[in-house]
């Protein structure tokens, strides 16, 4: 009987995966461990940094886009001015040419 007592202590049942990990309810089951408080803090900081970098890049892209749009509008205005001047020159030539006749 002394042996049986020692054997029972030595043969403590191994913990099941279900006891050691959390698992999904669907199949196939995926076992996982929840994050520790420290891991959560690190992940949140990484996320904040990533979001700040993303916001900075988006602001930079918007700035570049505004500059491109401004340059495009300036070119359009310059073309209009050039076209208007050419039309005026053409009219002057036509008027001065018709008065010579």
PDB file of N, CA and C in Angstrom:
ATOM      1  N   UNK A   1       0.812  -1.203   0.000  1.00  0.00           N
ATOM      2  CA  UNK A   1       0.000   0.000   0.000  1.00  0.00           C
ATOM      3  C   UNK A   1       0.845   1.253   0.000  1.00  0.00           C
ATOM      4  N   UNK A   2       2.062   1.147   0.535  1.00  0.00           N
ATOM      5  CA  UNK A   2       2.980   2.283   0.520  1.00  0.00           C
ATOM      6  C   UNK A   2       3.370   2.584  -0.917  1.00  0.00           C
ATOM      7  N   UNK A   3       3.591   1.554  -1.700  1.00  0.00           N
ATOM      8  CA  UNK A   3       3.951   1.738  -3.107  1.00  0.00           C
ATOM      9  C   UNK A   3       2.831   2.422  -3.880  1.00  0.00           C
ATOM     10  N   UNK A   4       1.613   2.045  -3.652  1.00  0.00           N
ATOM     11  CA  UNK A   4       0.480   2.621  -4.372  1.00  0.00           C
ATOM     12  C   UNK A   4       0.375   4.125  -4.105  1.00  0.00           C
ATOM     13  N   UNK A   5       0.619   4.550  -2.890  1.00  0.00           N
ATOM     14  CA  UNK A   5       0.575   5.971  -2.538  1.00  0.00           C
ATOM     15  C   UNK A   5       1.638   6.760  -3.269  1.00  0.00           C
ATOM     16  N   UNK A   6       2.855   6.202  -3.338  1.00  0.00           N
ATOM     17  CA  UNK A   6       3.939   6.879  -4.055  1.00  0.00           C
ATOM     18  C   UNK A   6       3.655   6.916  -5.547  1.00  0.00           C
ATOM     19  N   UNK A   7       3.111   5.820  -6.071  1.00  0.00           N
ATOM     20  CA  UNK A   7       2.840   5.744  -7.507  1.00  0.00           C
ATOM     21  C   UNK A   7       1.786   6.784  -7.905  1.00  0.00           C
ATOM     22  N   UNK A   8       0.781   6.958  -7.073  1.00  0.00           N
ATOM     23  CA  UNK A   8      -0.266   7.936  -7.370  1.00  0.00           C
ATOM     24  C   UNK A   8       0.310   9.355  -7.384  1.00  0.00           C
ATOM     25  N   UNK A   9       1.228   9.656  -6.479  1.00  0.00           N
ATOM     26  CA  UNK A   9       1.848  10.983  -6.443  1.00  0.00           C
ATOM     27  C   UNK A   9       2.707  11.216  -7.677  1.00  0.00           C
ATOM     28  N   UNK A  10       3.452  10.205  -8.104  1.00  0.00           N
ATOM     29  CA  UNK A  10       4.322  10.328  -9.273  1.00  0.00           C
ATOM     30  C   UNK A  10       3.521  10.429 -10.564  1.00  0.00           C
ATOM     31  N   UNK A  11       2.419   9.742 -10.644  1.00  0.00           N
ATOM     32  CA  UNK A  11       1.614   9.706 -11.864  1.00  0.00           C
ATOM     33  C   UNK A  11       0.539  10.787 -11.869  1.00  0.00           C
ATOM     34  N   UNK A  12       0.873  11.943 -11.384  1.00  0.00           N
ATOM     35  CA  UNK A  12      -0.092  13.039 -11.436  1.00  0.00           C
ATOM     36  C   UNK A  12      -0.460  13.244 -12.901  1.00  0.00           C
ATOM     37  N   UNK A  13      -1.745  13.403 -13.182  1.00  0.00           N
ATOM     38  CA  UNK A  13      -2.154  13.498 -14.592  1.00  0.00           C
ATOM     39  C   UNK A  13      -1.513  14.706 -15.285  1.00  0.00           C
ATOM     40  N   UNK A  14      -1.065  14.478 -16.511  1.00  0.00           N
ATOM     41  CA  UNK A  14      -0.483  15.569 -17.298  1.00  0.00           C
ATOM     42  C   UNK A  14      -1.593  16.556 -17.624  1.00  0.00           C
ATOM     43  N   UNK A  15      -1.232  17.816 -17.628  1.00  0.00           N
ATOM     44  CA  UNK A  15      -2.242  18.826 -17.943  1.00  0.00           C
ATOM     45  C   UNK A  15      -2.600  18.729 -19.417  1.00  0.00           C
ATOM     46  N   UNK A  16      -3.845  18.880 -19.701  1.00  0.00           N
ATOM     47  CA  UNK A  16      -4.309  18.845 -21.082  1.00  0.00           C
ATOM     48  C   UNK A  16      -4.041  20.193 -21.742  1.00  0.00           C
ATOM     49  N   UNK A  17      -3.993  20.176 -23.063  1.00  0.00           N
ATOM     50  CA  UNK A  17      -3.815  21.440 -23.791  1.00  0.00           C
ATOM     51  C   UNK A  17      -4.913  22.427 -23.420  1.00  0.00           C
ATOM     52  N   UNK A  18      -6.118  21.906 -23.211  1.00  0.00           N
ATOM     53  CA  UNK A  18      -7.241  22.774 -22.854  1.00  0.00           C
ATOM     54  C   UNK A  18      -6.991  23.503 -21.530  1.00  0.00           C
ATOM     55  N   UNK A  19      -6.201  22.883 -20.650  1.00  0.00           N
ATOM     56  CA  UNK A  19      -5.889  23.516 -19.365  1.00  0.00           C
ATOM     57  C   UNK A  19      -4.774  24.548 -19.503  1.00  0.00           C
ATOM     58  N   UNK A  20      -3.875  24.324 -20.456  1.00  0.00           N
ATOM     59  CA  UNK A  20      -2.713  25.202 -20.614  1.00  0.00           C
ATOM     60  C   UNK A  20      -2.980  26.397 -21.523  1.00  0.00           C
ATOM     61  N   UNK A  21      -3.838  26.216 -22.499  1.00  0.00           N
ATOM     62  CA  UNK A  21      -4.078  27.244 -23.514  1.00  0.00           C
ATOM     63  C   UNK A  21      -5.566  27.517 -23.651  1.00  0.00           C
ATOM     64  N   UNK A  22      -5.864  28.609 -24.305  1.00  0.00           N
ATOM     65  CA  UNK A  22      -7.237  28.847 -24.740  1.00  0.00           C
ATOM     66  C   UNK A  22      -7.353  28.262 -26.129  1.00  0.00           C
ATOM     67  N   UNK A  23      -8.551  27.950 -26.547  1.00  0.00           N
ATOM     68  CA  UNK A  23      -8.693  27.391 -27.890  1.00  0.00           C
ATOM     69  C   UNK A  23      -9.968  27.899 -28.531  1.00  0.00           C
ATOM     70  N   UNK A  24      -9.959  27.891 -29.856  1.00  0.00           N
ATOM     71  CA  UNK A  24     -11.133  28.320 -30.605  1.00  0.00           C
ATOM     72  C   UNK A  24     -12.205  27.252 -30.491  1.00  0.00           C
ATOM     73  N   UNK A  25     -13.455  27.666 -30.669  1.00  0.00           N
ATOM     74  CA  UNK A  25     -14.560  26.726 -30.561  1.00  0.00           C
ATOM     75  C   UNK A  25     -14.811  25.996 -31.875  1.00  0.00           C
ATOM     76  N   UNK A  26     -14.369  26.576 -32.983  1.00  0.00           N
ATOM     77  CA  UNK A  26     -14.588  25.944 -34.283  1.00  0.00           C
ATOM     78  C   UNK A  26     -13.486  24.923 -34.565  1.00  0.00           C
ATOM     79  N   UNK A  27     -13.701  24.131 -35.586  1.00  0.00           N
ATOM     80  CA  UNK A  27     -12.681  23.128 -35.944  1.00  0.00           C
ATOM     81  C   UNK A  27     -11.978  23.576 -37.204  1.00  0.00           C
ATOM     82  N   UNK A  28     -10.732  23.318 -37.382  1.00  0.00           N
ATOM     83  CA  UNK A  28      -9.849  22.704 -36.401  1.00  0.00           C
ATOM     84  C   UNK A  28      -9.564  23.681 -35.268  1.00  0.00           C
ATOM     85  N   UNK A  29      -9.396  23.152 -34.083  1.00  0.00           N
ATOM     86  CA  UNK A  29      -9.152  23.985 -32.897  1.00  0.00           C
ATOM     87  C   UNK A  29      -7.774  24.634 -32.989  1.00  0.00           C
ATOM     88  N   UNK A  30      -7.728  25.887 -32.655  1.00  0.00           N
ATOM     89  CA  UNK A  30      -6.452  26.605 -32.615  1.00  0.00           C
ATOM     90  C   UNK A  30      -6.210  26.985 -31.162  1.00  0.00           C
ATOM     91  N   UNK A  31      -5.081  26.559 -30.646  1.00  0.00           N
ATOM     92  CA  UNK A  31      -4.727  26.844 -29.261  1.00  0.00           C
ATOM     93  C   UNK A  31      -3.896  28.121 -29.211  1.00  0.00           C
ATOM     94  N   UNK A  32      -4.156  28.972 -28.207  1.00  0.00           N
ATOM     95  CA  UNK A  32      -3.440  30.230 -28.098  1.00  0.00           C
ATOM     96  C   UNK A  32      -3.363  30.669 -26.644  1.00  0.00           C
ATOM     97  N   UNK A  33      -2.430  31.558 -26.395  1.00  0.00           N
ATOM     98  CA  UNK A  33      -2.282  32.148 -25.064  1.00  0.00           C
ATOM     99  C   UNK A  33      -2.649  33.624 -25.130  1.00  0.00           C
ATOM    100  N   UNK A  34      -3.363  34.129 -24.140  1.00  0.00           N
ATOM    101  CA  UNK A  34      -3.635  35.570 -24.133  1.00  0.00           C
ATOM    102  C   UNK A  34      -2.342  36.339 -23.876  1.00  0.00           C
ATOM    103  N   UNK A  35      -2.318  37.585 -24.331  1.00  0.00           N
ATOM    104  CA  UNK A  35      -1.133  38.416 -24.119  1.00  0.00           C
ATOM    105  C   UNK A  35      -1.004  38.803 -22.648  1.00  0.00           C
ATOM    106  N   UNK A  36       0.230  38.977 -22.226  1.00  0.00           N
ATOM    107  CA  UNK A  36       0.470  39.477 -20.871  1.00  0.00           C
ATOM    108  C   UNK A  36       0.250  40.986 -20.881  1.00  0.00           C
ATOM    109  N   UNK A  37       0.134  41.581 -19.714  1.00  0.00           N
ATOM    110  CA  UNK A  37      -0.067  43.032 -19.614  1.00  0.00           C
ATOM    111  C   UNK A  37       1.088  43.770 -20.281  1.00  0.00           C
ATOM    112  N   UNK A  38       2.302  43.272 -20.109  1.00  0.00           N
ATOM    113  CA  UNK A  38       3.479  43.905 -20.716  1.00  0.00           C
ATOM    114  C   UNK A  38       3.414  43.821 -22.244  1.00  0.00           C
ATOM    115  N   UNK A  39       3.009  42.675 -22.763  1.00  0.00           N
ATOM    116  CA  UNK A  39       2.899  42.512 -24.214  1.00  0.00           C
ATOM    117  C   UNK A  39       1.828  43.441 -24.780  1.00  0.00           C
ATOM    118  N   UNK A  40       0.748  43.627 -24.036  1.00  0.00           N
ATOM    119  CA  UNK A  40      -0.321  44.525 -24.478  1.00  0.00           C
ATOM    120  C   UNK A  40       0.207  45.950 -24.580  1.00  0.00           C
ATOM    121  N   UNK A  41       0.961  46.389 -23.566  1.00  0.00           N
ATOM    122  CA  UNK A  41       1.531  47.747 -23.566  1.00  0.00           C
ATOM    123  C   UNK A  41       2.447  47.925 -24.774  1.00  0.00           C
ATOM    124  N   UNK A  42       3.307  46.936 -25.033  1.00  0.00           N
ATOM    125  CA  UNK A  42       4.246  47.020 -26.158  1.00  0.00           C
ATOM    126  C   UNK A  42       3.479  47.088 -27.476  1.00  0.00           C
ATOM    127  N   UNK A  43       2.464  46.234 -27.630  1.00  0.00           N
ATOM    128  CA  UNK A  43       1.688  46.225 -28.875  1.00  0.00           C
ATOM    129  C   UNK A  43       0.957  47.551 -29.083  1.00  0.00           C
ATOM    130  N   UNK A  44       0.381  48.100 -28.017  1.00  0.00           N
ATOM    131  CA  UNK A  44      -0.324  49.376 -28.135  1.00  0.00           C
ATOM    132  C   UNK A  44       0.634  50.490 -28.535  1.00  0.00           C
ATOM    133  N   UNK A  45       1.835  50.488 -27.969  1.00  0.00           N
ATOM    134  CA  UNK A  45       2.837  51.498 -28.327  1.00  0.00           C
ATOM    135  C   UNK A  45       3.239  51.355 -29.793  1.00  0.00           C
ATOM    136  N   UNK A  46       3.445  50.125 -30.237  1.00  0.00           N
ATOM    137  CA  UNK A  46       3.795  49.887 -31.643  1.00  0.00           C
ATOM    138  C   UNK A  46       2.663  50.375 -32.552  1.00  0.00           C
ATOM    139  N   UNK A  47       1.435  50.115 -32.143  1.00  0.00           N
ATOM    140  CA  UNK A  47       0.284  50.544 -32.943  1.00  0.00           C
ATOM    141  C   UNK A  47       0.227  52.071 -33.003  1.00  0.00           C
ATOM    142  N   UNK A  48       0.450  52.727 -31.860  1.00  0.00           N
ATOM    143  CA  UNK A  48       0.455  54.197 -31.843  1.00  0.00           C
ATOM    144  C   UNK A  48       1.524  54.753 -32.773  1.00  0.00           C
ATOM    145  N   UNK A  49       2.713  54.156 -32.716  1.00  0.00           N
ATOM    146  CA  UNK A  49       3.804  54.613 -33.593  1.00  0.00           C
ATOM    147  C   UNK A  49       3.440  54.410 -35.056  1.00  0.00           C
ATOM    148  N   UNK A  50       2.878  53.251 -35.354  1.00  0.00           N
ATOM    149  CA  UNK A  50       2.498  52.957 -36.737  1.00  0.00           C
ATOM    150  C   UNK A  50       1.441  53.950 -37.223  1.00  0.00           C
ATOM    151  N   UNK A  51       0.442  54.222 -36.390  1.00  0.00           N
ATOM    152  CA  UNK A  51      -0.617  55.157 -36.770  1.00  0.00           C
ATOM    153  C   UNK A  51      -0.057  56.570 -36.949  1.00  0.00           C
ATOM    154  N   UNK A  52       0.863  56.983 -36.079  1.00  0.00           N
ATOM    155  CA  UNK A  52       1.472  58.311 -36.207  1.00  0.00           C
ATOM    156  C   UNK A  52       2.255  58.397 -37.514  1.00  0.00           C
ATOM    157  N   UNK A  53       2.996  57.357 -37.843  1.00  0.00           N
ATOM    158  CA  UNK A  53       3.758  57.325 -39.099  1.00  0.00           C
ATOM    159  C   UNK A  53       2.805  57.365 -40.296  1.00  0.00           C
ATOM    160  N   UNK A  54       1.714  56.624 -40.196  1.00  0.00           N
ATOM    161  CA  UNK A  54       0.722  56.603 -41.274  1.00  0.00           C
ATOM    162  C   UNK A  54       0.117  57.998 -41.464  1.00  0.00           C
ATOM    163  N   UNK A  55      -0.256  58.637 -40.370  1.00  0.00           N
ATOM    164  CA  UNK A  55      -0.822  59.990 -40.446  1.00  0.00           C
ATOM    165  C   UNK A  55       0.180  60.961 -41.065  1.00  0.00           C
ATOM    166  N   UNK A  56       1.449  60.844 -40.669  1.00  0.00           N
ATOM    167  CA  UNK A  56       2.483  61.731 -41.211  1.00  0.00           C
ATOM    168  C   UNK A  56       2.612  61.528 -42.715  1.00  0.00           C
ATOM    169  N   UNK A  57       2.632  60.273 -43.148  1.00  0.00           N
ATOM    170  CA  UNK A  57       2.748  59.988 -44.581  1.00  0.00           C
ATOM    171  C   UNK A  57       1.537  60.494 -45.353  1.00  0.00           C
ATOM    172  N   UNK A  58       0.345  60.308 -44.789  1.00  0.00           N
ATOM    173  CA  UNK A  58      -0.866  60.777 -45.463  1.00  0.00           C
ATOM    174  C   UNK A  58      -0.852  62.300 -45.592  1.00  0.00           C
ATOM    175  N   UNK A  59      -0.431  62.992 -44.543  1.00  0.00           N
ATOM    176  CA  UNK A  59      -0.351  64.454 -44.590  1.00  0.00           C
ATOM    177  C   UNK A  59       0.650  64.890 -45.649  1.00  0.00           C
ATOM    178  N   UNK A  60       1.774  64.185 -45.728  1.00  0.00           N
ATOM    179  CA  UNK A  60       2.792  64.504 -46.728  1.00  0.00           C
ATOM    180  C   UNK A  60       2.249  64.278 -48.144  1.00  0.00           C
ATOM    181  N   UNK A  61       1.525  63.178 -48.325  1.00  0.00           N
ATOM    182  CA  UNK A  61       0.955  62.888 -49.647  1.00  0.00           C
ATOM    183  C   UNK A  61      -0.079  63.945 -50.032  1.00  0.00           C
ATOM    184  N   UNK A  62      -0.901  64.364 -49.070  1.00  0.00           N
ATOM    185  CA  UNK A  62      -1.902  65.394 -49.351  1.00  0.00           C
ATOM    186  C   UNK A  62      -1.231  66.707 -49.718  1.00  0.00           C
ATOM    187  N   UNK A  63      -0.136  67.032 -49.028  1.00  0.00           N
ATOM    188  CA  UNK A  63       0.598  68.262 -49.317  1.00  0.00           C
ATOM    189  C   UNK A  63       1.146  68.223 -50.739  1.00  0.00           C
ATOM    190  N   UNK A  64       1.753  67.106 -51.120  1.00  0.00           N
ATOM    191  CA  UNK A  64       2.300  66.958 -52.474  1.00  0.00           C
ATOM    192  C   UNK A  64       1.174  67.066 -53.500  1.00  0.00           C
ATOM    193  N   UNK A  65       0.039  66.441 -53.213  1.00  0.00           N
ATOM    194  CA  UNK A  65      -1.098  66.488 -54.136  1.00  0.00           C
ATOM    195  C   UNK A  65      -1.611  67.917 -54.289  1.00  0.00           C
ATOM    196  N   UNK A  66      -1.696  68.662 -53.174  1.00  0.00           N
ATOM    197  CA  UNK A  66      -2.134  70.065 -53.254  1.00  0.00           C
ATOM    198  C   UNK A  66      -1.169  70.889 -54.098  1.00  0.00           C
ATOM    199  N   UNK A  67       0.137  70.645 -53.916  1.00  0.00           N
ATOM    200  CA  UNK A  67       1.138  71.374 -54.702  1.00  0.00           C
ATOM    201  C   UNK A  67       1.010  71.047 -56.186  1.00  0.00           C
ATOM    202  N   UNK A  68       0.788  69.783 -56.507  1.00  0.00           N
ATOM    203  CA  UNK A  68       0.601  69.391 -57.912  1.00  0.00           C
ATOM    204  C   UNK A  68      -0.631  70.058 -58.502  1.00  0.00           C
ATOM    205  N   UNK A  69      -1.716  70.067 -57.733  1.00  0.00           N
ATOM    206  CA  UNK A  69      -2.954  70.679 -58.209  1.00  0.00           C
ATOM    207  C   UNK A  69      -2.749  72.180 -58.418  1.00  0.00           C
ATOM    208  N   UNK A  70      -2.050  72.819 -57.486  1.00  0.00           N
ATOM    209  CA  UNK A  70      -1.767  74.252 -57.607  1.00  0.00           C
ATOM    210  C   UNK A  70      -0.938  74.524 -58.869  1.00  0.00           C
ATOM    211  N   UNK A  71       0.079  73.693 -59.122  1.00  0.00           N
ATOM    212  CA  UNK A  71       0.925  73.860 -60.305  1.00  0.00           C
ATOM    213  C   UNK A  71       0.113  73.640 -61.576  1.00  0.00           C
ATOM    214  N   UNK A  72      -0.787  72.652 -61.548  1.00  0.00           N
ATOM    215  CA  UNK A  72      -1.629  72.375 -62.716  1.00  0.00           C
ATOM    216  C   UNK A  72      -2.548  73.564 -63.015  1.00  0.00           C
ATOM    217  N   UNK A  73      -3.121  74.146 -61.981  1.00  0.00           N
ATOM    218  CA  UNK A  73      -4.005  75.303 -62.161  1.00  0.00           C
ATOM    219  C   UNK A  73      -3.215  76.489 -62.699  1.00  0.00           C
ATOM    220  N   UNK A  74      -2.001  76.692 -62.186  1.00  0.00           N
ATOM    221  CA  UNK A  74      -1.158  77.786 -62.678  1.00  0.00           C
ATOM    222  C   UNK A  74      -0.842  77.597 -64.159  1.00  0.00           C
ATOM    223  N   UNK A  75      -0.546  76.371 -64.573  1.00  0.00           N
ATOM    224  CA  UNK A  75      -0.257  76.098 -65.983  1.00  0.00           C
ATOM    225  C   UNK A  75      -1.478  76.385 -66.844  1.00  0.00           C
ATOM    226  N   UNK A  76      -2.660  75.984 -66.357  1.00  0.00           N
ATOM    227  CA  UNK A  76      -3.883  76.248 -67.111  1.00  0.00           C
ATOM    228  C   UNK A  76      -4.092  77.750 -67.272  1.00  0.00           C
ATOM    229  N   UNK A  77      -3.900  78.497 -66.196  1.00  0.00           N
ATOM    230  CA  UNK A  77      -4.078  79.945 -66.264  1.00  0.00           C
ATOM    231  C   UNK A  77      -3.068  80.568 -67.220  1.00  0.00           C
ATOM    232  N   UNK A  78      -1.839  80.068 -67.176  1.00  0.00           N
ATOM    233  CA  UNK A  78      -0.804  80.606 -68.055  1.00  0.00           C
ATOM    234  C   UNK A  78      -1.152  80.315 -69.517  1.00  0.00           C
ATOM    235  N   UNK A  79      -1.665  79.117 -69.781  1.00  0.00           N
ATOM    236  CA  UNK A  79      -2.073  78.779 -71.156  1.00  0.00           C
ATOM    237  C   UNK A  79      -3.195  79.693 -71.626  1.00  0.00           C
ATOM    238  N   UNK A  80      -4.151  79.977 -70.726  1.00  0.00           N
ATOM    239  CA  UNK A  80      -5.268  80.855 -71.094  1.00  0.00           C
ATOM    240  C   UNK A  80      -4.759  82.248 -71.444  1.00  0.00           C
ATOM    241  N   UNK A  81      -3.829  82.749 -70.630  1.00  0.00           N
ATOM    242  CA  UNK A  81      -3.268  84.082 -70.880  1.00  0.00           C
ATOM    243  C   UNK A  81      -2.542  84.083 -72.216  1.00  0.00           C
ATOM    244  N   UNK A  82      -1.735  83.055 -72.464  1.00  0.00           N
ATOM    245  CA  UNK A  82      -0.988  82.958 -73.721  1.00  0.00           C
ATOM    246  C   UNK A  82      -1.952  82.867 -74.896  1.00  0.00           C
ATOM    247  N   UNK A  83      -2.988  82.057 -74.766  1.00  0.00           N
ATOM    248  CA  UNK A  83      -3.974  81.900 -75.838  1.00  0.00           C
ATOM    249  C   UNK A  83      -4.703  83.213 -76.080  1.00  0.00           C
ATOM    250  N   UNK A  84      -5.060  83.921 -75.025  1.00  0.00           N
ATOM    251  CA  UNK A  84      -5.746  85.210 -75.152  1.00  0.00           C
ATOM    252  C   UNK A  84      -4.843  86.217 -75.861  1.00  0.00           C
ATOM    253  N   UNK A  85      -3.580  86.268 -75.509  1.00  0.00           N
ATOM    254  CA  UNK A  85      -2.637  87.188 -76.159  1.00  0.00           C
ATOM    255  C   UNK A  85      -2.503  86.860 -77.640  1.00  0.00           C
ATOM    256  N   UNK A  86      -2.406  85.572 -77.956  1.00  0.00           N
ATOM    257  CA  UNK A  86      -2.281  85.171 -79.364  1.00  0.00           C
ATOM    258  C   UNK A  86      -3.520  85.571 -80.146  1.00  0.00           C
ATOM    259  N   UNK A  87      -4.701  85.417 -79.540  1.00  0.00           N
ATOM    260  CA  UNK A  87      -5.943  85.805 -80.213  1.00  0.00           C
ATOM    261  C   UNK A  87      -5.956  87.314 -80.461  1.00  0.00           C
ATOM    262  N   UNK A  88      -5.498  88.094 -79.457  1.00  0.00           N
ATOM    263  CA  UNK A  88      -5.461  89.545 -79.614  1.00  0.00           C
ATOM    264  C   UNK A  88      -4.498  89.946 -80.725  1.00  0.00           C
ATOM    265  N   UNK A  89      -3.333  89.295 -80.786  1.00  0.00           N
ATOM    266  CA  UNK A  89      -2.368  89.582 -81.848  1.00  0.00           C
ATOM    267  C   UNK A  89      -2.974  89.249 -83.203  1.00  0.00           C
ATOM    268  N   UNK A  90      -3.658  88.126 -83.272  1.00  0.00           N
ATOM    269  CA  UNK A  90      -4.270  87.701 -84.526  1.00  0.00           C
ATOM    270  C   UNK A  90      -5.347  88.698 -84.958  1.00  0.00           C
ATOM    271  N   UNK A  91      -6.150  89.191 -84.002  1.00  0.00           N
ATOM    272  CA  UNK A  91      -7.184  90.178 -84.312  1.00  0.00           C
ATOM    273  C   UNK A  91      -6.550  91.469 -84.824  1.00  0.00           C
ATOM    274  N   UNK A  92      -5.463  91.917 -84.161  1.00  0.00           N
ATOM    275  CA  UNK A  92      -4.791  93.143 -84.581  1.00  0.00           C
ATOM    276  C   UNK A  92      -4.271  92.994 -86.003  1.00  0.00           C
ATOM    277  N   UNK A  93      -3.694  91.840 -86.307  1.00  0.00           N
ATOM    278  CA  UNK A  93      -3.192  91.605 -87.660  1.00  0.00           C
ATOM    279  C   UNK A  93      -4.337  91.618 -88.659  1.00  0.00           C
ATOM    280  N   UNK A  94      -5.452  90.991 -88.277  1.00  0.00           N
ATOM    281  CA  UNK A  94      -6.600  90.939 -89.181  1.00  0.00           C
ATOM    282  C   UNK A  94      -7.175  92.327 -89.404  1.00  0.00           C
ATOM    283  N   UNK A  95      -7.278  93.110 -88.344  1.00  0.00           N
ATOM    284  CA  UNK A  95      -7.833  94.457 -88.441  1.00  0.00           C
ATOM    285  C   UNK A  95      -6.895  95.343 -89.239  1.00  0.00           C
ATOM    286  N   UNK A  96      -5.602  95.317 -88.950  1.00  0.00           N
ATOM    287  CA  UNK A  96      -4.653  96.156 -89.668  1.00  0.00           C
ATOM    288  C   UNK A  96      -4.533  95.686 -91.115  1.00  0.00           C
ATOM    289  N   UNK A  97      -4.673  94.410 -91.367  1.00  0.00           N
ATOM    290  CA  UNK A  97      -4.612  93.886 -92.732  1.00  0.00           C
ATOM    291  C   UNK A  97      -5.838  94.284 -93.531  1.00  0.00           C
ATOM    292  N   UNK A  98      -7.005  94.334 -92.929  1.00  0.00           N
ATOM    293  CA  UNK A  98      -8.223  94.685 -93.642  1.00  0.00           C
ATOM    294  C   UNK A  98      -8.301  96.185 -93.877  1.00  0.00           C
ATOM    295  N   UNK A  99      -7.689  97.011 -93.037  1.00  0.00           N
ATOM    296  CA  UNK A  99      -7.715  98.456 -93.230  1.00  0.00           C
ATOM    297  C   UNK A  99      -6.768  98.875 -94.341  1.00  0.00           C
ATOM    298  N   UNK A 100      -5.745  98.064 -94.652  1.00  0.00           N
ATOM    299  CA  UNK A 100      -4.813  98.382 -95.721  1.00  0.00           C
ATOM    300  C   UNK A 100      -5.487  98.243 -97.068  1.00  0.00           C
ATOM    301  N   UNK A 101      -6.460  97.396 -97.196  1.00  0.00           N
ATOM    302  CA  UNK A 101      -7.135  97.161 -98.473  1.00  0.00           C
ATOM    303  C   UNK A 101      -7.941  98.292 -98.876  1.00  0.00           C
TER     304      UNK A 101
END
